[in-house]
Amino acid sequence: MKGNLNIYYDEEGDLLEIQIGGPTLSYYEEINDGVFERIDEKTKEVKGFAVFSFRKRMKQKEINVPLPVEVNISS
């Protein structure tokens, strides 16, 4: 995966979105209750995640995302 890691939090909707790279045509697959992977329609690469009820989950101090998910971050 190449590009920027963009993180967006909607406080009113309590939604955290993490996007890897620029926008592409994608679809979401639920990987855990209220946790979704965003998958590029063309390449089938994971392009991000969406976490509903983020604040509530942070009170539990745990968000589980199944691995492997390969994320390379470089400057």
PDB file of N, CA and C in Angstrom:
ATOM      1  N   MET A   1       0.835  -1.170   0.000  1.00  0.00           N
ATOM      2  CA  MET A   1       0.000   0.000   0.000  1.00  0.00           C
ATOM      3  C   MET A   1       0.879   1.233   0.000  1.00  0.00           C
ATOM      4  N   LYS A   2       0.503   2.184  -0.813  1.00  0.00           N
ATOM      5  CA  LYS A   2       1.257   3.421  -0.883  1.00  0.00           C
ATOM      6  C   LYS A   2       0.319   4.594  -0.707  1.00  0.00           C
ATOM      7  N   GLY A   3       0.856   5.711  -0.285  1.00  0.00           N
ATOM      8  CA  GLY A   3       0.071   6.918  -0.131  1.00  0.00           C
ATOM      9  C   GLY A   3       0.004   7.353   1.309  1.00  0.00           C
ATOM     10  N   ASN A   4      -0.874   8.294   1.543  1.00  0.00           N
ATOM     11  CA  ASN A   4      -1.039   8.855   2.884  1.00  0.00           C
ATOM     12  C   ASN A   4      -1.981   8.014   3.729  1.00  0.00           C
ATOM     13  N   LEU A   5      -1.810   8.124   5.019  1.00  0.00           N
ATOM     14  CA  LEU A   5      -2.737   7.536   5.979  1.00  0.00           C
ATOM     15  C   LEU A   5      -3.576   8.687   6.506  1.00  0.00           C
ATOM     16  N   ASN A   6      -4.863   8.710   6.141  1.00  0.00           N
ATOM     17  CA  ASN A   6      -5.771   9.776   6.549  1.00  0.00           C
ATOM     18  C   ASN A   6      -6.685   9.257   7.643  1.00  0.00           C
ATOM     19  N   ILE A   7      -6.790  10.015   8.732  1.00  0.00           N
ATOM     20  CA  ILE A   7      -7.622   9.620   9.864  1.00  0.00           C
ATOM     21  C   ILE A   7      -8.662  10.708  10.077  1.00  0.00           C
ATOM     22  N   TYR A   8      -9.919  10.298  10.149  1.00  0.00           N
ATOM     23  CA  TYR A   8     -11.029  11.225  10.318  1.00  0.00           C
ATOM     24  C   TYR A   8     -11.946  10.705  11.420  1.00  0.00           C
ATOM     25  N   TYR A   9     -12.331  11.606  12.323  1.00  0.00           N
ATOM     26  CA  TYR A   9     -13.275  11.232  13.370  1.00  0.00           C
ATOM     27  C   TYR A   9     -14.466  12.165  13.326  1.00  0.00           C
ATOM     28  N   ASP A  10     -15.668  11.607  13.213  1.00  0.00           N
ATOM     29  CA  ASP A  10     -16.914  12.356  13.248  1.00  0.00           C
ATOM     30  C   ASP A  10     -17.470  12.234  14.657  1.00  0.00           C
ATOM     31  N   GLU A  11     -17.304  13.299  15.437  1.00  0.00           N
ATOM     32  CA  GLU A  11     -17.711  13.250  16.844  1.00  0.00           C
ATOM     33  C   GLU A  11     -19.218  13.065  16.996  1.00  0.00           C
ATOM     34  N   GLU A  12     -19.996  13.761  16.169  1.00  0.00           N
ATOM     35  CA  GLU A  12     -21.455  13.656  16.274  1.00  0.00           C
ATOM     36  C   GLU A  12     -21.939  12.246  15.948  1.00  0.00           C
ATOM     37  N   GLY A  13     -21.383  11.642  14.907  1.00  0.00           N
ATOM     38  CA  GLY A  13     -21.770  10.284  14.513  1.00  0.00           C
ATOM     39  C   GLY A  13     -20.981   9.199  15.228  1.00  0.00           C
ATOM     40  N   ASP A  14     -19.941   9.606  15.988  1.00  0.00           N
ATOM     41  CA  ASP A  14     -19.053   8.679  16.704  1.00  0.00           C
ATOM     42  C   ASP A  14     -18.498   7.613  15.766  1.00  0.00           C
ATOM     43  N   LEU A  15     -17.921   8.098  14.652  1.00  0.00           N
ATOM     44  CA  LEU A  15     -17.370   7.227  13.615  1.00  0.00           C
ATOM     45  C   LEU A  15     -15.912   7.588  13.378  1.00  0.00           C
ATOM     46  N   LEU A  16     -15.035   6.599  13.445  1.00  0.00           N
ATOM     47  CA  LEU A  16     -13.627   6.773  13.109  1.00  0.00           C
ATOM     48  C   LEU A  16     -13.392   6.126  11.755  1.00  0.00           C
ATOM     49  N   GLU A  17     -12.773   6.884  10.839  1.00  0.00           N
ATOM     50  CA  GLU A  17     -12.407   6.324   9.541  1.00  0.00           C
ATOM     51  C   GLU A  17     -10.910   6.494   9.344  1.00  0.00           C
ATOM     52  N   ILE A  18     -10.282   5.438   8.873  1.00  0.00           N
ATOM     53  CA  ILE A  18      -8.868   5.455   8.527  1.00  0.00           C
ATOM     54  C   ILE A  18      -8.788   5.075   7.063  1.00  0.00           C
ATOM     55  N   GLN A  19      -8.196   5.968   6.259  1.00  0.00           N
ATOM     56  CA  GLN A  19      -8.095   5.737   4.824  1.00  0.00           C
ATOM     57  C   GLN A  19      -6.632   5.655   4.439  1.00  0.00           C
ATOM     58  N   ILE A  20      -6.300   4.652   3.651  1.00  0.00           N
ATOM     59  CA  ILE A  20      -4.929   4.455   3.189  1.00  0.00           C
ATOM     60  C   ILE A  20      -4.877   4.848   1.723  1.00  0.00           C
ATOM     61  N   GLY A  21      -4.067   5.871   1.404  1.00  0.00           N
ATOM     62  CA  GLY A  21      -3.977   6.348   0.028  1.00  0.00           C
ATOM     63  C   GLY A  21      -5.169   7.198  -0.352  1.00  0.00           C
ATOM     64  N   GLY A  22      -5.253   7.514  -1.636  1.00  0.00           N
ATOM     65  CA  GLY A  22      -6.333   8.348  -2.137  1.00  0.00           C
ATOM     66  C   GLY A  22      -7.627   7.577  -2.295  1.00  0.00           C
ATOM     67  N   PRO A  23      -8.716   8.301  -2.565  1.00  0.00           N
ATOM     68  CA  PRO A  23     -10.013   7.653  -2.722  1.00  0.00           C
ATOM     69  C   PRO A  23     -10.063   6.772  -3.974  1.00  0.00           C
ATOM     70  N   THR A  24     -10.692   5.629  -3.839  1.00  0.00           N
ATOM     71  CA  THR A  24     -10.905   4.708  -4.955  1.00  0.00           C
ATOM     72  C   THR A  24     -12.310   4.131  -4.828  1.00  0.00           C
ATOM     73  N   LEU A  25     -12.800   3.532  -5.896  1.00  0.00           N
ATOM     74  CA  LEU A  25     -14.067   2.814  -5.802  1.00  0.00           C
ATOM     75  C   LEU A  25     -13.864   1.637  -4.874  1.00  0.00           C
ATOM     76  N   SER A  26     -14.650   1.586  -3.820  1.00  0.00           N
ATOM     77  CA  SER A  26     -14.438   0.591  -2.769  1.00  0.00           C
ATOM     78  C   SER A  26     -15.764   0.078  -2.244  1.00  0.00           C
ATOM     79  N   TYR A  27     -15.659  -0.999  -1.495  1.00  0.00           N
ATOM     80  CA  TYR A  27     -16.811  -1.529  -0.769  1.00  0.00           C
ATOM     81  C   TYR A  27     -16.340  -1.878   0.636  1.00  0.00           C
ATOM     82  N   TYR A  28     -17.295  -2.015   1.547  1.00  0.00           N
ATOM     83  CA  TYR A  28     -16.969  -2.328   2.937  1.00  0.00           C
ATOM     84  C   TYR A  28     -17.380  -3.751   3.268  1.00  0.00           C
ATOM     85  N   GLU A  29     -16.563  -4.412   4.070  1.00  0.00           N
ATOM     86  CA  GLU A  29     -16.877  -5.735   4.614  1.00  0.00           C
ATOM     87  C   GLU A  29     -16.749  -5.662   6.130  1.00  0.00           C
ATOM     88  N   GLU A  30     -17.758  -6.150   6.821  1.00  0.00           N
ATOM     89  CA  GLU A  30     -17.710  -6.150   8.286  1.00  0.00           C
ATOM     90  C   GLU A  30     -16.773  -7.258   8.748  1.00  0.00           C
ATOM     91  N   ILE A  31     -15.780  -6.891   9.547  1.00  0.00           N
ATOM     92  CA  ILE A  31     -14.805  -7.865  10.033  1.00  0.00           C
ATOM     93  C   ILE A  31     -14.971  -8.137  11.521  1.00  0.00           C
ATOM     94  N   ASN A  32     -15.749  -7.306  12.176  1.00  0.00           N
ATOM     95  CA  ASN A  32     -16.069  -7.466  13.588  1.00  0.00           C
ATOM     96  C   ASN A  32     -17.317  -6.622  13.806  1.00  0.00           C
ATOM     97  N   ASP A  33     -18.003  -6.789  14.884  1.00  0.00           N
ATOM     98  CA  ASP A  33     -19.230  -6.052  15.120  1.00  0.00           C
ATOM     99  C   ASP A  33     -18.972  -4.544  15.072  1.00  0.00           C
ATOM    100  N   GLY A  34     -19.460  -3.870  14.021  1.00  0.00           N
ATOM    101  CA  GLY A  34     -19.291  -2.431  13.881  1.00  0.00           C
ATOM    102  C   GLY A  34     -17.932  -1.988  13.385  1.00  0.00           C
ATOM    103  N   VAL A  35     -17.078  -2.925  12.965  1.00  0.00           N
ATOM    104  CA  VAL A  35     -15.751  -2.611  12.423  1.00  0.00           C
ATOM    105  C   VAL A  35     -15.706  -3.142  10.992  1.00  0.00           C
ATOM    106  N   PHE A  36     -15.371  -2.245  10.052  1.00  0.00           N
ATOM    107  CA  PHE A  36     -15.413  -2.584   8.634  1.00  0.00           C
ATOM    108  C   PHE A  36     -14.083  -2.313   7.952  1.00  0.00           C
ATOM    109  N   GLU A  37     -13.711  -3.171   7.002  1.00  0.00           N
ATOM    110  CA  GLU A  37     -12.583  -2.942   6.107  1.00  0.00           C
ATOM    111  C   GLU A  37     -13.125  -2.278   4.850  1.00  0.00           C
ATOM    112  N   ARG A  38     -12.380  -1.318   4.321  1.00  0.00           N
ATOM    113  CA  ARG A  38     -12.724  -0.741   3.017  1.00  0.00           C
ATOM    114  C   ARG A  38     -11.802  -1.375   1.995  1.00  0.00           C
ATOM    115  N   ILE A  39     -12.380  -2.021   0.996  1.00  0.00           N
ATOM    116  CA  ILE A  39     -11.605  -2.797   0.031  1.00  0.00           C
ATOM    117  C   ILE A  39     -11.754  -2.195  -1.366  1.00  0.00           C
ATOM    118  N   ASP A  40     -10.638  -1.986  -2.035  1.00  0.00           N
ATOM    119  CA  ASP A  40     -10.622  -1.453  -3.389  1.00  0.00           C
ATOM    120  C   ASP A  40     -11.285  -2.456  -4.333  1.00  0.00           C
ATOM    121  N   GLU A  41     -12.273  -1.992  -5.103  1.00  0.00           N
ATOM    122  CA  GLU A  41     -13.005  -2.885  -5.998  1.00  0.00           C
ATOM    123  C   GLU A  41     -12.114  -3.512  -7.063  1.00  0.00           C
ATOM    124  N   LYS A  42     -11.137  -2.766  -7.541  1.00  0.00           N
ATOM    125  CA  LYS A  42     -10.282  -3.237  -8.633  1.00  0.00           C
ATOM    126  C   LYS A  42      -9.147  -4.142  -8.150  1.00  0.00           C
ATOM    127  N   THR A  43      -8.405  -3.683  -7.133  1.00  0.00           N
ATOM    128  CA  THR A  43      -7.207  -4.405  -6.703  1.00  0.00           C
ATOM    129  C   THR A  43      -7.458  -5.378  -5.558  1.00  0.00           C
ATOM    130  N   LYS A  44      -8.601  -5.234  -4.896  1.00  0.00           N
ATOM    131  CA  LYS A  44      -8.963  -6.044  -3.719  1.00  0.00           C
ATOM    132  C   LYS A  44      -8.054  -5.772  -2.522  1.00  0.00           C
ATOM    133  N   GLU A  45      -7.285  -4.677  -2.560  1.00  0.00           N
ATOM    134  CA  GLU A  45      -6.438  -4.292  -1.437  1.00  0.00           C
ATOM    135  C   GLU A  45      -7.277  -3.623  -0.351  1.00  0.00           C
ATOM    136  N   VAL A  46      -6.862  -3.791   0.894  1.00  0.00           N
ATOM    137  CA  VAL A  46      -7.488  -3.071   1.998  1.00  0.00           C
ATOM    138  C   VAL A  46      -7.053  -1.612   1.892  1.00  0.00           C
ATOM    139  N   LYS A  47      -8.032  -0.723   1.810  1.00  0.00           N
ATOM    140  CA  LYS A  47      -7.757   0.702   1.647  1.00  0.00           C
ATOM    141  C   LYS A  47      -8.151   1.519   2.870  1.00  0.00           C
ATOM    142  N   GLY A  48      -8.671   0.848   3.911  1.00  0.00           N
ATOM    143  CA  GLY A  48      -9.008   1.580   5.110  1.00  0.00           C
ATOM    144  C   GLY A  48      -9.931   0.804   6.021  1.00  0.00           C
ATOM    145  N   PHE A  49     -10.340   1.499   7.079  1.00  0.00           N
ATOM    146  CA  PHE A  49     -11.209   0.902   8.085  1.00  0.00           C
ATOM    147  C   PHE A  49     -12.220   1.938   8.544  1.00  0.00           C
ATOM    148  N   ALA A  50     -13.363   1.477   9.000  1.00  0.00           N
ATOM    149  CA  ALA A  50     -14.371   2.329   9.624  1.00  0.00           C
ATOM    150  C   ALA A  50     -14.770   1.656  10.933  1.00  0.00           C
ATOM    151  N   VAL A  51     -14.829   2.454  11.998  1.00  0.00           N
ATOM    152  CA  VAL A  51     -15.182   1.934  13.315  1.00  0.00           C
ATOM    153  C   VAL A  51     -16.358   2.741  13.846  1.00  0.00           C
ATOM    154  N   PHE A  52     -17.515   2.109  13.941  1.00  0.00           N
ATOM    155  CA  PHE A  52     -18.700   2.748  14.492  1.00  0.00           C
ATOM    156  C   PHE A  52     -18.663   2.666  16.016  1.00  0.00           C
ATOM    157  N   SER A  53     -19.276   3.627  16.678  1.00  0.00           N
ATOM    158  CA  SER A  53     -19.312   3.710  18.147  1.00  0.00           C
ATOM    159  C   SER A  53     -17.892   3.712  18.718  1.00  0.00           C
ATOM    160  N   PHE A  54     -17.041   4.524  18.111  1.00  0.00           N
ATOM    161  CA  PHE A  54     -15.627   4.553  18.485  1.00  0.00           C
ATOM    162  C   PHE A  54     -15.423   4.948  19.943  1.00  0.00           C
ATOM    163  N   ARG A  55     -16.095   5.998  20.393  1.00  0.00           N
ATOM    164  CA  ARG A  55     -15.913   6.469  21.773  1.00  0.00           C
ATOM    165  C   ARG A  55     -16.301   5.379  22.772  1.00  0.00           C
ATOM    166  N   LYS A  56     -17.410   4.701  22.512  1.00  0.00           N
ATOM    167  CA  LYS A  56     -17.850   3.608  23.390  1.00  0.00           C
ATOM    168  C   LYS A  56     -16.802   2.498  23.422  1.00  0.00           C
ATOM    169  N   ARG A  57     -16.232   2.191  22.271  1.00  0.00           N
ATOM    170  CA  ARG A  57     -15.205   1.139  22.199  1.00  0.00           C
ATOM    171  C   ARG A  57     -13.949   1.547  22.958  1.00  0.00           C
ATOM    172  N   MET A  58     -13.618   2.840  22.935  1.00  0.00           N
ATOM    173  CA  MET A  58     -12.417   3.294  23.637  1.00  0.00           C
ATOM    174  C   MET A  58     -12.587   3.187  25.148  1.00  0.00           C
ATOM    175  N   LYS A  59     -13.818   3.267  25.639  1.00  0.00           N
ATOM    176  CA  LYS A  59     -14.053   3.036  27.062  1.00  0.00           C
ATOM    177  C   LYS A  59     -13.730   1.593  27.417  1.00  0.00           C
ATOM    178  N   GLN A  60     -13.908   0.697  26.428  1.00  0.00           N
ATOM    179  CA  GLN A  60     -13.577  -0.714  26.629  1.00  0.00           C
ATOM    180  C   GLN A  60     -12.085  -0.946  26.429  1.00  0.00           C
ATOM    181  N   LYS A  61     -11.393   0.045  25.878  1.00  0.00           N
ATOM    182  CA  LYS A  61      -9.945   0.017  25.648  1.00  0.00           C
ATOM    183  C   LYS A  61      -9.515  -1.051  24.646  1.00  0.00           C
ATOM    184  N   GLU A  62     -10.429  -1.457  23.754  1.00  0.00           N
ATOM    185  CA  GLU A  62     -10.039  -2.511  22.821  1.00  0.00           C
ATOM    186  C   GLU A  62     -10.810  -2.399  21.510  1.00  0.00           C
ATOM    187  N   ILE A  63     -10.072  -2.442  20.402  1.00  0.00           N
ATOM    188  CA  ILE A  63     -10.653  -2.577  19.069  1.00  0.00           C
ATOM    189  C   ILE A  63      -9.864  -3.685  18.403  1.00  0.00           C
ATOM    190  N   ASN A  64     -10.552  -4.697  17.925  1.00  0.00           N
ATOM    191  CA  ASN A  64      -9.872  -5.824  17.285  1.00  0.00           C
ATOM    192  C   ASN A  64     -10.011  -5.750  15.773  1.00  0.00           C
ATOM    193  N   VAL A  65      -8.889  -5.814  15.091  1.00  0.00           N
ATOM    194  CA  VAL A  65      -8.852  -5.881  13.630  1.00  0.00           C
ATOM    195  C   VAL A  65      -8.038  -7.110  13.273  1.00  0.00           C
ATOM    196  N   PRO A  66      -8.659  -8.100  12.629  1.00  0.00           N
ATOM    197  CA  PRO A  66      -7.930  -9.318  12.282  1.00  0.00           C
ATOM    198  C   PRO A  66      -6.742  -9.024  11.361  1.00  0.00           C
ATOM    199  N   LEU A  67      -5.686  -9.726  11.573  1.00  0.00           N
ATOM    200  CA  LEU A  67      -4.483  -9.600  10.741  1.00  0.00           C
ATOM    201  C   LEU A  67      -4.307 -10.873   9.934  1.00  0.00           C
ATOM    202  N   PRO A  68      -3.618 -10.916   8.831  1.00  0.00           N
ATOM    203  CA  PRO A  68      -2.640  -9.898   8.456  1.00  0.00           C
ATOM    204  C   PRO A  68      -3.264  -8.754   7.675  1.00  0.00           C
ATOM    205  N   VAL A  69      -2.846  -7.569   8.025  1.00  0.00           N
ATOM    206  CA  VAL A  69      -3.091  -6.377   7.234  1.00  0.00           C
ATOM    207  C   VAL A  69      -1.746  -5.720   7.096  1.00  0.00           C
ATOM    208  N   GLU A  70      -1.284  -5.557   5.892  1.00  0.00           N
ATOM    209  CA  GLU A  70       0.032  -4.997   5.676  1.00  0.00           C
ATOM    210  C   GLU A  70      -0.088  -3.495   5.452  1.00  0.00           C
ATOM    211  N   VAL A  71       0.543  -2.727   6.319  1.00  0.00           N
ATOM    212  CA  VAL A  71       0.556  -1.279   6.190  1.00  0.00           C
ATOM    213  C   VAL A  71       2.014  -0.837   6.267  1.00  0.00           C
ATOM    214  N   ASN A  72       2.488  -0.218   5.204  1.00  0.00           N
ATOM    215  CA  ASN A  72       3.848   0.301   5.177  1.00  0.00           C
ATOM    216  C   ASN A  72       3.779   1.808   5.303  1.00  0.00           C
ATOM    217  N   ILE A  73       4.458   2.362   6.298  1.00  0.00           N
ATOM    218  CA  ILE A  73       4.475   3.797   6.501  1.00  0.00           C
ATOM    219  C   ILE A  73       5.913   4.262   6.344  1.00  0.00           C
ATOM    220  N   SER A  74       6.112   5.201   5.406  1.00  0.00           N
ATOM    221  CA  SER A  74       7.450   5.720   5.199  1.00  0.00           C
ATOM    222  C   SER A  74       7.379   7.219   4.959  1.00  0.00           C
ATOM    223  N   SER A  75       8.491   7.884   5.184  1.00  0.00           N
ATOM    224  CA  SER A  75       8.494   9.336   4.997  1.00  0.00           C
ATOM    225  C   SER A  75       9.010   9.707   3.636  1.00  0.00           C
TER     226      SER A  75
END
